[in-house]
């Protein structure tokens, strides 16, 4: 009986298989041509690596829709023609109905996997001509998600086709579309786990659909538990996706320090483009007065109005002084580091003003590797870095790497790496000279923002696991700045500078804090508002 079912399904699907194989080869040919064209028209080619790692540009991503559509069509080819009398005949075969459906599933899934295997091998060979091994690893993980999503599409479509009740059909259609759309947008292992659970849930729903042909149902507790599990997964994961990709916190207060009033002033957002302007001391005023109290923020308007230079506290502030003093850093607690620790290894020439985009990338995981587009792994430079890291006392693997991975900067300070013991090291390359040295730093650093800037006063800031905040000098000297109530796991933070003050603002969307300091980082005033 098993052989008969296999022969029947093969006869049914072989024409579809040949047609799909031809379409797949055509798509692969176009993909190879388009990818080669993209790499040929960008200089250096490693900018495509940057786009993959930092801009999430994955040229193979549209193949997921091909796999979803292909899997859906396999289900249609297998089961759409079986509706009605032919399906009832199958139900009366001398094997259990669930076994009969399972055999059909096994054949359909095997058919899908054969086609996907061809795609995977071909894409891996094509991508391997252009991308380094770490990126190929991400491709393999993504493709595992594509495969599971395809199997889910196949089984869910089958459950819908076999369902005889219009009401139940609509429920299953909504569940399947929700599950597929939501789960393919999850991250890596979460998506894989959710898809596997959903596949098992829809298998049960498929058996329920099969029973519906005979006006029967699975025992209600089983069906109820299955739908409940699927519903919980969909609700939980959709909330996670919304939080990560779409949720934007409404910043209720914009708090600044006025050098005119010597007081905090703020704009309160009421929604619908309605605002209240007030000060910490209790004064209320209109927008024009609010902007007038913040000359260092609205200096461009003052310049157009011919009101510059300014005189504040017997000091003259010209347009140039205000512009040169401006500096800002920010921290977003929701921001995630790149999935691959593959960073451009900048090597600027001190005799050339612009920093060129590099042809080499550094990969930090269990150890350190240098990748070059032309030669693959640069063994000489890799060995040099490993030797310098050993001499500096670094112990691998590195837990974190921080730095500004763009050539749109005025100088190159390289990267800060954190070894397994929590020690911080600076890796930088300038004028073909590689440096790897230990940086005196507080213990348990959790985050560093490194940002080369024209002022060259601060290189960025750092936060430790106890939410202590540190400003970093251009020489990477750490200076703690006490911030009452700051929690780096739940709060965003902004640092900005004007000619007279430094201000640090942080909030959790409920409570808003701001501290203002003089140029020696002596606290002048603070505010907490809800």
Protein backbone atom coordinates (compact mmCIF):
# COMPACT_ATOMS: atom_id res chain seq x y z
CA UNK A 1 0.00 0.00 0.00
CA UNK A 2 2.84 2.39 0.81
CA UNK A 3 4.41 1.72 -2.60
CA UNK A 4 1.08 2.37 -4.32
CA UNK A 5 0.69 5.71 -2.57
CA UNK A 6 4.25 6.67 -3.48
CA UNK A 7 3.73 5.79 -7.17
CA UNK A 8 0.42 7.68 -7.25
CA UNK A 9 2.00 10.81 -5.74
CA UNK A 10 5.04 10.64 -8.00
CA UNK A 11 2.87 10.43 -11.11
CA UNK A 12 0.91 13.40 -9.81
CA UNK A 13 3.94 15.55 -8.96
CA UNK A 14 6.62 14.67 -11.52
CA UNK A 15 5.51 17.22 -14.11
CA UNK A 16 5.35 19.88 -11.43
CA UNK A 17 8.80 18.84 -10.22
CA UNK A 18 10.37 19.24 -13.67
CA UNK A 19 8.70 22.62 -14.22
CA UNK A 20 9.78 23.87 -10.80
CA UNK A 21 13.33 22.65 -11.32
CA UNK A 22 13.52 24.61 -14.57
CA UNK A 23 12.19 27.73 -12.85
CA UNK A 24 14.67 27.26 -10.00
CA UNK A 25 17.61 27.05 -12.40
CA UNK A 26 16.43 30.21 -14.15
CA UNK A 27 16.14 32.04 -10.81
CA UNK A 28 19.57 30.84 -9.74
CA UNK A 29 21.08 32.01 -13.02
CA UNK A 30 19.55 35.44 -12.60
CA UNK A 31 20.66 35.58 -8.96
CA UNK A 32 24.27 34.75 -9.89
CA UNK A 33 24.25 37.38 -12.65
CA UNK A 34 22.69 40.07 -10.44
CA UNK A 35 25.05 39.39 -7.53
CA UNK A 36 28.10 39.48 -9.78
CA UNK A 37 26.85 42.76 -11.24
CA UNK A 38 26.45 44.30 -7.78
CA UNK A 39 29.95 43.29 -6.69
CA UNK A 40 31.44 44.45 -10.00
CA UNK A 41 29.93 47.90 -9.64
CA UNK A 42 31.02 48.72 -6.11
CA UNK A 43 34.52 49.61 -4.95
CA UNK A 44 35.84 48.06 -2.86
CA UNK A 45 33.79 44.89 -3.03
CA UNK A 46 33.88 44.59 0.77
CA UNK A 47 31.25 47.33 0.94
CA UNK A 48 28.80 44.54 0.06
CA UNK A 49 29.97 42.75 3.20
CA UNK A 50 29.28 45.92 5.17
CA UNK A 51 25.77 46.13 3.69
CA UNK A 52 25.10 42.54 4.75
CA UNK A 53 26.37 42.90 8.33
CA UNK A 54 25.28 46.43 9.24
CA UNK A 55 22.40 47.19 6.86
CA UNK A 56 20.91 43.68 6.87
CA UNK A 57 21.07 43.51 3.08
CA UNK A 58 20.67 39.82 2.21
CA UNK A 59 20.47 39.39 -1.57
CA UNK A 60 19.13 35.85 -1.28
CA UNK A 61 16.17 36.82 0.86
CA UNK A 62 13.54 36.72 -1.87
CA UNK A 63 14.11 32.97 -2.18
CA UNK A 64 12.07 32.55 1.00
CA UNK A 65 8.98 33.66 -0.94
CA UNK A 66 9.82 31.22 -3.72
CA UNK A 67 10.05 28.40 -1.15
CA UNK A 68 6.79 29.45 0.53
CA UNK A 69 4.98 29.58 -2.80
CA UNK A 70 6.51 26.35 -4.04
CA UNK A 71 5.51 24.50 -0.85
CA UNK A 72 1.98 25.85 -1.08
CA UNK A 73 1.72 24.66 -4.69
CA UNK A 74 2.94 21.18 -3.73
CA UNK A 75 0.07 20.95 -1.23
CA UNK A 76 -2.39 22.12 -3.87
CA UNK A 77 -1.05 19.63 -6.40
CA UNK A 78 -1.27 16.79 -3.90
CA UNK A 79 -4.58 17.42 -2.21
CA UNK A 80 -6.78 19.83 -4.15
CA UNK A 81 -7.69 17.16 -6.68
CA UNK A 82 -8.37 14.68 -3.87
CA UNK A 83 -11.29 16.63 -2.43
CA UNK A 84 -14.67 14.97 -2.59
CA UNK A 85 -15.17 11.37 -3.58
CA UNK A 86 -11.52 10.58 -4.31
CA UNK A 87 -10.50 11.60 -0.81
CA UNK A 88 -13.29 9.52 0.71
CA UNK A 89 -11.95 6.52 -1.20
CA UNK A 90 -8.51 7.11 0.35
CA UNK A 91 -10.12 7.16 3.77
CA UNK A 92 -11.40 3.64 3.14
CA UNK A 93 -7.99 2.21 2.26
CA UNK A 94 -6.89 -0.76 4.43
CA UNK A 95 -4.64 1.48 6.55
CA UNK A 96 -5.46 3.98 9.26
CA UNK A 97 -6.51 7.38 7.93
CA UNK A 98 -3.84 9.20 9.96
CA UNK A 99 -1.19 6.88 8.56
CA UNK A 100 -2.46 7.47 5.03
CA UNK A 101 -2.20 11.24 5.51
CA UNK A 102 1.22 10.86 7.15
CA UNK A 103 2.48 8.94 4.11
CA UNK A 104 1.22 11.70 1.82
CA UNK A 105 2.95 14.24 4.05
CA UNK A 106 6.21 12.27 4.00
CA UNK A 107 6.17 12.17 0.20
CA UNK A 108 5.29 15.86 -0.12
CA UNK A 109 7.90 16.99 2.39
CA UNK A 110 10.56 14.78 0.78
CA UNK A 111 9.68 16.35 -2.57
CA UNK A 112 9.99 19.85 -1.09
CA UNK A 113 13.29 19.04 0.64
CA UNK A 114 14.80 17.66 -2.58
CA UNK A 115 14.03 20.90 -4.39
CA UNK A 116 15.22 23.04 -1.50
CA UNK A 117 18.45 21.04 -1.25
CA UNK A 118 19.20 21.88 -4.89
CA UNK A 119 18.56 25.56 -4.12
CA UNK A 120 20.68 25.50 -0.97
CA UNK A 121 23.73 23.89 -2.59
CA UNK A 122 23.54 26.18 -5.62
CA UNK A 123 23.13 29.33 -3.52
CA UNK A 124 25.93 28.28 -1.19
CA UNK A 125 28.28 27.82 -4.16
CA UNK A 126 27.27 31.18 -5.64
CA UNK A 127 27.51 33.12 -2.37
CA UNK A 128 30.82 31.44 -1.55
CA UNK A 129 32.37 33.23 -4.52
CA UNK A 130 31.64 36.62 -2.96
CA UNK A 131 31.17 36.35 0.81
CA UNK A 132 33.40 35.09 3.66
CA UNK A 133 32.60 32.05 5.79
CA UNK A 134 30.93 33.96 8.69
CA UNK A 135 28.32 35.38 6.31
CA UNK A 136 27.77 31.95 4.77
CA UNK A 137 27.01 30.71 8.29
CA UNK A 138 24.24 33.31 8.60
CA UNK A 139 22.93 32.24 5.19
CA UNK A 140 22.73 28.62 6.36
CA UNK A 141 20.78 29.65 9.47
CA UNK A 142 18.44 31.83 7.42
CA UNK A 143 17.89 28.99 4.97
CA UNK A 144 16.96 26.67 7.83
CA UNK A 145 14.20 29.17 8.65
CA UNK A 146 13.14 29.21 4.98
CA UNK A 147 12.92 25.40 4.99
CA UNK A 148 10.82 25.26 8.15
CA UNK A 149 8.58 28.06 6.87
CA UNK A 150 8.13 26.11 3.63
CA UNK A 151 7.15 22.94 5.49
CA UNK A 152 4.73 24.96 7.62
CA UNK A 153 3.24 26.49 4.47
CA UNK A 154 2.79 23.02 2.99
CA UNK A 155 1.14 21.48 6.08
CA UNK A 156 -1.02 24.54 6.81
CA UNK A 157 -2.26 24.62 3.20
CA UNK A 158 -3.11 20.93 3.46
CA UNK A 159 -5.09 21.54 6.66
CA UNK A 160 -7.07 24.24 4.85
CA UNK A 161 -7.71 22.13 1.73
CA UNK A 162 -8.94 19.13 3.70
CA UNK A 163 -11.19 21.15 6.00
CA UNK A 164 -14.89 20.63 5.18
CA UNK A 165 -16.34 23.24 7.55
CA UNK A 166 -16.24 26.81 6.14
CA UNK A 167 -16.04 28.29 9.63
CA UNK A 168 -13.14 26.07 10.71
CA UNK A 169 -11.47 26.69 7.35
CA UNK A 170 -11.43 30.44 8.00
CA UNK A 171 -9.98 29.91 11.49
CA UNK A 172 -7.21 27.72 10.13
CA UNK A 173 -6.50 30.11 7.27
CA UNK A 174 -6.09 33.03 9.68
CA UNK A 175 -3.90 30.95 11.99
CA UNK A 176 -1.67 29.77 9.16
CA UNK A 177 -1.19 33.21 7.60
CA UNK A 178 -0.48 34.74 11.02
CA UNK A 179 1.99 32.03 11.97
CA UNK A 180 3.95 32.14 8.71
CA UNK A 181 4.11 35.93 8.49
CA UNK A 182 5.07 36.39 12.13
CA UNK A 183 7.54 33.54 12.53
CA UNK A 184 9.67 34.34 9.47
CA UNK A 185 10.20 37.81 10.93
CA UNK A 186 11.63 36.49 14.17
CA UNK A 187 15.32 36.34 14.92
CA UNK A 188 17.35 33.19 14.28
CA UNK A 189 16.81 30.54 16.94
CA UNK A 190 13.51 32.01 18.13
CA UNK A 191 12.15 31.66 14.60
CA UNK A 192 13.41 28.09 14.31
CA UNK A 193 11.87 27.09 17.64
CA UNK A 194 8.55 28.79 16.87
CA UNK A 195 8.33 27.26 13.39
CA UNK A 196 9.00 23.74 14.69
CA UNK A 197 6.25 24.12 17.29
CA UNK A 198 3.88 25.53 14.67
CA UNK A 199 4.59 22.60 12.33
CA UNK A 200 3.59 20.10 15.02
CA UNK A 201 0.47 22.14 15.82
CA UNK A 202 -0.61 22.26 12.18
CA UNK A 203 0.01 18.54 11.81
CA UNK A 204 -2.65 18.02 14.47
CA UNK A 205 -4.93 20.52 12.73
CA UNK A 206 -4.43 18.59 9.47
CA UNK A 207 -5.55 15.35 11.10
CA UNK A 208 -8.56 17.25 12.46
CA UNK A 209 -9.35 18.51 8.94
CA UNK A 210 -9.13 14.97 7.61
CA UNK A 211 -11.65 13.78 10.18
CA UNK A 212 -13.99 16.63 9.26
CA UNK A 213 -14.62 14.92 5.91
CA UNK A 214 -16.36 12.15 7.83
CA UNK A 215 -18.13 14.74 10.01
CA UNK A 216 -15.82 13.90 12.88
CA UNK A 217 -13.30 15.87 14.95
CA UNK A 218 -10.33 15.19 17.11
CA UNK A 219 -11.24 14.95 20.74
CA UNK A 220 -11.91 18.51 21.83
CA UNK A 221 -9.30 18.69 24.67
CA UNK A 222 -6.53 17.77 22.20
CA UNK A 223 -7.73 20.29 19.65
CA UNK A 224 -8.25 22.99 22.27
CA UNK A 225 -4.78 22.55 23.75
CA UNK A 226 -3.25 22.57 20.26
CA UNK A 227 -4.99 25.80 19.22
CA UNK A 228 -4.19 27.37 22.60
CA UNK A 229 -0.47 26.57 22.21
CA UNK A 230 -0.44 27.97 18.68
CA UNK A 231 -2.33 31.08 19.77
CA UNK A 232 0.02 31.74 22.67
CA UNK A 233 3.06 31.37 20.41
CA UNK A 234 1.59 33.76 17.83
CA UNK A 235 0.61 36.37 20.43
CA UNK A 236 3.95 36.19 22.25
CA UNK A 237 6.07 36.36 19.10
CA UNK A 238 3.96 39.08 17.46
CA UNK A 239 4.40 41.20 20.60
CA UNK A 240 8.14 40.57 20.43
CA UNK A 241 8.31 41.61 16.77
CA UNK A 242 6.24 44.73 17.42
CA UNK A 243 8.47 45.73 20.31
CA UNK A 244 11.68 45.19 18.35
CA UNK A 245 10.75 46.53 14.92
CA UNK A 246 7.76 48.83 15.12
CA UNK A 247 7.32 50.24 18.61
CA UNK A 248 8.44 53.83 18.90
CA UNK A 249 8.30 55.38 22.32
CA UNK A 250 6.69 58.78 22.45
CA UNK A 251 9.23 61.09 24.04
CA UNK A 252 7.01 62.97 26.43
CA UNK A 253 9.56 65.56 27.54
CA UNK A 254 12.40 67.35 25.75
CA UNK A 255 14.51 68.79 28.54
CA UNK A 256 17.26 71.38 28.06
CA UNK A 257 19.22 73.70 30.31
CA UNK A 258 18.83 77.39 29.59
CA UNK A 259 21.98 79.51 30.00
CA UNK A 260 19.68 82.55 30.06
CA UNK A 261 17.40 81.46 32.92
CA UNK A 262 19.99 79.25 34.65
CA UNK A 263 17.19 76.73 34.86
CA UNK A 264 15.85 73.67 33.07
CA UNK A 265 13.19 74.31 30.45
CA UNK A 266 11.21 71.62 28.72
CA UNK A 267 8.71 70.90 26.01
CA UNK A 268 5.93 68.53 27.10
CA UNK A 269 4.37 66.52 24.29
CA UNK A 270 0.59 66.18 24.75
CA UNK A 271 0.06 64.38 21.45
CA UNK A 272 -1.67 65.61 18.27
CA UNK A 273 1.10 68.20 17.86
CA UNK A 274 0.13 69.96 21.07
CA UNK A 275 2.87 71.08 23.46
CA UNK A 276 3.37 72.82 26.77
CA UNK A 277 6.53 74.87 27.39
CA UNK A 278 7.63 75.30 30.98
CA UNK A 279 10.61 75.49 33.33
CA UNK A 280 11.67 73.51 36.38
CA UNK A 281 10.91 76.49 38.62
CA UNK A 282 7.30 76.51 37.44
CA UNK A 283 7.17 79.16 34.76
CA UNK A 284 5.09 78.69 31.59
CA UNK A 285 5.71 80.39 28.26
CA UNK A 286 5.05 80.15 24.56
CA UNK A 287 7.19 78.48 21.91
CA UNK A 288 8.92 81.69 20.86
CA UNK A 289 10.05 82.41 24.41
CA UNK A 290 11.10 78.76 24.86
CA UNK A 291 13.37 78.94 21.83
CA UNK A 292 14.72 82.28 22.99
CA UNK A 293 15.83 80.72 26.27
CA UNK A 294 17.89 78.14 24.35
CA UNK A 295 20.25 80.18 22.15
CA UNK A 296 22.77 77.33 21.82
CA UNK A 297 20.06 75.03 20.45
CA UNK A 298 18.44 77.54 18.09
CA UNK A 299 21.60 79.41 17.12
CA UNK A 300 20.94 78.95 13.38
CA UNK A 301 17.70 80.92 13.67
CA UNK A 302 19.49 83.62 15.64
CA UNK A 303 22.15 83.77 12.94
CA UNK A 304 19.52 84.32 10.24
CA UNK A 305 17.92 87.00 12.41
CA UNK A 306 21.27 88.78 12.80
CA UNK A 307 21.32 88.25 16.58
CA UNK A 308 24.77 86.66 16.76
CA UNK A 309 27.21 86.94 18.45
CA UNK A 310 25.61 86.48 21.89
CA UNK A 311 26.77 87.85 25.20
CA UNK A 312 26.03 85.65 28.22
CA UNK A 313 27.65 86.13 31.64
CA UNK A 314 30.01 88.70 30.12
CA UNK A 315 31.24 86.16 27.56
CA UNK A 316 30.90 86.51 23.82
CA UNK A 317 29.67 83.50 21.82
CA UNK A 318 30.06 83.69 18.07
CA UNK A 319 28.55 81.39 15.48
CA UNK A 320 31.88 79.59 15.14
CA UNK A 321 32.26 79.07 18.90
CA UNK A 322 28.76 77.61 19.17
CA UNK A 323 29.24 75.30 16.19
CA UNK A 324 32.64 74.09 17.36
CA UNK A 325 31.31 73.26 20.83
CA UNK A 326 28.49 71.03 19.64
CA UNK A 327 28.88 67.32 20.33
CA UNK A 328 26.39 64.55 20.92
CA UNK A 329 26.32 60.85 21.84
CA UNK A 330 23.31 58.61 22.34
CA UNK A 331 22.48 55.22 23.80
CA UNK A 332 19.46 53.08 22.92
CA UNK A 333 18.89 50.20 25.32
CA UNK A 334 16.96 48.29 22.63
CA UNK A 335 19.77 48.45 20.07
CA UNK A 336 21.40 45.12 19.26
CA UNK A 337 24.96 44.55 18.02
CA UNK A 338 25.44 43.03 14.56
CA UNK A 339 24.70 39.30 14.40
CA UNK A 340 28.17 38.74 12.94
CA UNK A 341 31.26 40.30 14.52
CA UNK A 342 32.68 41.11 11.11
CA UNK A 343 34.00 44.67 11.02
CA UNK A 344 35.91 46.74 8.44
CA UNK A 345 39.58 47.05 9.38
CA UNK A 346 40.35 50.68 8.58
CA UNK A 347 43.90 51.58 7.64
CA UNK A 348 44.00 55.31 6.83
CA UNK A 349 46.98 57.08 5.34
CA UNK A 350 47.98 60.10 7.45
CA UNK A 351 48.87 61.99 4.25
CA UNK A 352 45.35 61.63 2.84
CA UNK A 353 42.43 63.50 4.39
CA UNK A 354 39.67 61.02 3.61
CA UNK A 355 39.64 57.59 5.23
CA UNK A 356 39.17 54.99 2.47
CA UNK A 357 36.84 52.06 2.94
CA UNK A 358 39.08 49.03 3.60
CA UNK A 359 39.49 45.85 1.59
CA UNK A 360 40.03 43.83 4.77
CA UNK A 361 37.57 42.89 7.49
CA UNK A 362 38.28 41.64 11.00
CA UNK A 363 36.22 38.74 12.35
CA UNK A 364 36.07 38.33 16.11
CA UNK A 365 34.54 35.21 17.62
CA UNK A 366 36.53 32.44 19.27
CA UNK A 367 39.67 34.11 17.98
CA UNK A 368 40.53 36.74 15.39
CA UNK A 369 40.67 36.35 11.61
CA UNK A 370 41.30 38.87 8.87
CA UNK A 371 39.31 38.40 5.67
CA UNK A 372 40.29 39.88 2.32
CA UNK A 373 37.97 39.81 -0.69
CA UNK A 374 40.65 38.68 -3.11
CA UNK A 375 42.60 36.17 -1.04
CA UNK A 376 40.12 34.99 1.60
CA UNK A 377 41.83 34.76 4.99
CA UNK A 378 44.89 37.01 5.28
CA UNK A 379 47.06 34.59 7.25
CA UNK A 380 50.00 36.97 7.73
CA UNK A 381 47.92 39.78 9.19
CA UNK A 382 45.85 37.32 11.22
CA UNK A 383 48.99 35.85 12.77
CA UNK A 384 50.37 39.33 13.47
CA UNK A 385 47.21 40.37 15.34
CA UNK A 386 47.10 37.12 17.30
CA UNK A 387 50.72 37.57 18.35
CA UNK A 388 50.17 41.18 19.41
CA UNK A 389 47.01 40.17 21.31
CA UNK A 390 48.96 37.49 23.16
CA UNK A 391 51.76 39.94 23.96
CA UNK A 392 49.19 42.42 25.32
CA UNK A 393 47.78 39.76 27.66
CA UNK A 394 44.42 39.30 25.96
CA UNK A 395 42.66 36.00 26.64
CA UNK A 396 40.27 34.74 23.99
CA UNK A 397 37.47 34.42 23.14
CA UNK A 398 36.52 38.08 23.04
CA UNK A 399 33.12 38.82 24.53
CA UNK A 400 32.49 42.15 22.80
CA UNK A 401 33.81 44.47 20.14
CA UNK A 402 32.86 48.14 19.94
CA UNK A 403 33.71 50.79 17.40
CA UNK A 404 32.47 53.01 14.61
CA UNK A 405 32.32 50.78 11.54
CA UNK A 406 32.22 53.55 8.96
CA UNK A 407 34.83 55.61 7.15
CA UNK A 408 32.69 58.73 7.61
CA UNK A 409 34.79 59.94 10.53
CA UNK A 410 37.61 62.42 11.07
CA UNK A 411 40.07 59.95 12.59
CA UNK A 412 40.50 56.25 13.18
CA UNK A 413 40.62 55.04 16.78
CA UNK A 414 40.01 51.45 15.73
CA UNK A 415 38.03 49.10 17.95
CA UNK A 416 37.79 48.29 21.63
CA UNK A 417 37.67 44.57 22.38
CA UNK A 418 36.67 42.92 25.65
CA UNK A 419 38.36 39.61 26.39
CA UNK A 420 36.89 36.74 28.40
CA UNK A 421 38.17 38.28 31.66
CA UNK A 422 36.49 41.60 30.95
CA UNK A 423 39.73 43.44 30.12
CA UNK A 424 39.57 46.11 27.40
CA UNK A 425 42.02 46.28 24.48
CA UNK A 426 42.40 48.73 21.62
CA UNK A 427 42.97 47.34 18.12
CA UNK A 428 43.82 49.99 15.55
CA UNK A 429 45.67 50.20 12.25
CA UNK A 430 47.03 53.43 10.76
CA UNK A 431 49.65 53.90 8.03
CA UNK A 432 49.95 50.09 7.72
CA UNK A 433 51.05 49.89 11.37
CA UNK A 434 49.00 47.57 13.55
CA UNK A 435 48.59 48.28 17.27
CA UNK A 436 46.99 46.08 19.93
CA UNK A 437 47.27 47.34 23.50
CA UNK A 438 45.51 47.04 26.83
CA UNK A 439 43.40 49.97 28.01
CA UNK A 440 43.04 50.69 31.76
CA UNK A 441 39.29 50.43 32.27
CA UNK A 442 36.73 49.73 35.00
CA UNK A 443 35.67 46.13 35.48
CA UNK A 444 32.47 44.67 34.07
CA UNK A 445 32.00 47.08 31.18
CA UNK A 446 28.67 46.29 29.49
CA UNK A 447 28.63 48.82 26.65
CA UNK A 448 30.94 51.26 24.90
CA UNK A 449 30.03 53.86 22.30
CA UNK A 450 33.10 54.84 20.33
CA UNK A 451 32.68 57.84 18.06
CA UNK A 452 35.56 59.70 16.49
CA UNK A 453 34.73 63.42 16.22
CA UNK A 454 36.39 66.66 15.19
CA UNK A 455 36.64 68.03 18.75
CA UNK A 456 38.87 65.11 19.82
CA UNK A 457 38.01 65.79 23.45
CA UNK A 458 35.92 62.69 24.05
CA UNK A 459 36.14 59.43 22.15
CA UNK A 460 32.77 58.26 23.47
CA UNK A 461 31.28 56.83 26.63
CA UNK A 462 30.96 53.55 28.49
CA UNK A 463 28.46 51.90 30.83
CA UNK A 464 29.22 49.07 33.24
CA UNK A 465 26.96 46.26 34.44
CA UNK A 466 25.99 48.31 37.50
CA UNK A 467 24.76 51.14 35.23
CA UNK A 468 27.70 53.37 36.14
CA UNK A 469 28.34 55.87 33.36
CA UNK A 470 31.81 56.91 32.16
CA UNK A 471 32.98 59.52 29.67
CA UNK A 472 36.04 58.44 27.70
CA UNK A 473 38.76 60.88 26.77
CA UNK A 474 40.43 60.84 23.39
CA UNK A 475 43.16 58.75 25.02
CA UNK A 476 40.53 56.26 26.32
CA UNK A 477 40.78 57.51 29.89
CA UNK A 478 37.57 56.57 31.75
CA UNK A 479 35.98 59.21 34.01
CA UNK A 480 32.88 58.26 36.00
CA UNK A 481 29.93 60.64 35.86
CA UNK A 482 27.34 59.82 38.58
CA UNK A 483 23.81 59.56 37.17
CA UNK A 484 21.10 59.11 39.78
CA UNK A 485 18.47 56.54 38.83
CA UNK A 486 20.06 55.47 35.56
CA UNK A 487 19.45 51.85 34.45
CA UNK A 488 21.12 50.91 31.18
CA UNK A 489 18.79 47.93 30.67
CA UNK A 490 15.62 50.03 30.51
CA UNK A 491 16.68 53.59 29.68
CA UNK A 492 17.78 55.58 26.66
CA UNK A 493 20.45 58.24 27.15
CA UNK A 494 21.70 61.31 25.33
CA UNK A 495 24.81 63.38 25.96
CA UNK A 496 25.29 66.77 24.34
CA UNK A 497 27.59 69.72 24.69
CA UNK A 498 27.28 73.49 24.24
CA UNK A 499 29.85 76.27 24.82
CA UNK A 500 29.06 76.47 28.55
CA UNK A 501 27.76 73.08 29.68
CA UNK A 502 27.49 69.34 29.27
CA UNK A 503 24.04 67.83 29.61
CA UNK A 504 23.07 64.19 30.03
CA UNK A 505 19.43 63.25 29.59
CA UNK A 506 17.99 59.78 30.22
CA UNK A 507 14.54 58.22 30.58
CA UNK A 508 12.48 55.03 30.56
CA UNK A 509 9.49 56.71 28.82
CA UNK A 510 7.88 57.24 32.23
CA UNK A 511 10.44 59.09 34.31
CA UNK A 512 12.71 61.67 32.68
CA UNK A 513 16.02 62.77 34.17
CA UNK A 514 18.48 65.43 33.13
CA UNK A 515 21.76 66.55 34.68
CA UNK A 516 23.74 69.61 33.66
CA UNK A 517 27.48 70.00 34.34
CA UNK A 518 30.09 72.67 33.86
CA UNK A 519 33.10 71.99 31.65
CA UNK A 520 34.88 70.27 34.55
CA UNK A 521 31.93 67.89 34.96
CA UNK A 522 30.85 69.49 38.22
CA UNK A 523 27.11 68.96 38.66
CA UNK A 524 25.26 72.28 38.47
CA UNK A 525 21.64 71.17 38.51
CA UNK A 526 19.38 68.20 37.91
CA UNK A 527 15.73 67.49 37.22
CA UNK A 528 13.43 64.48 37.53
CA UNK A 529 10.00 64.70 35.96
CA UNK A 530 7.15 62.33 35.15
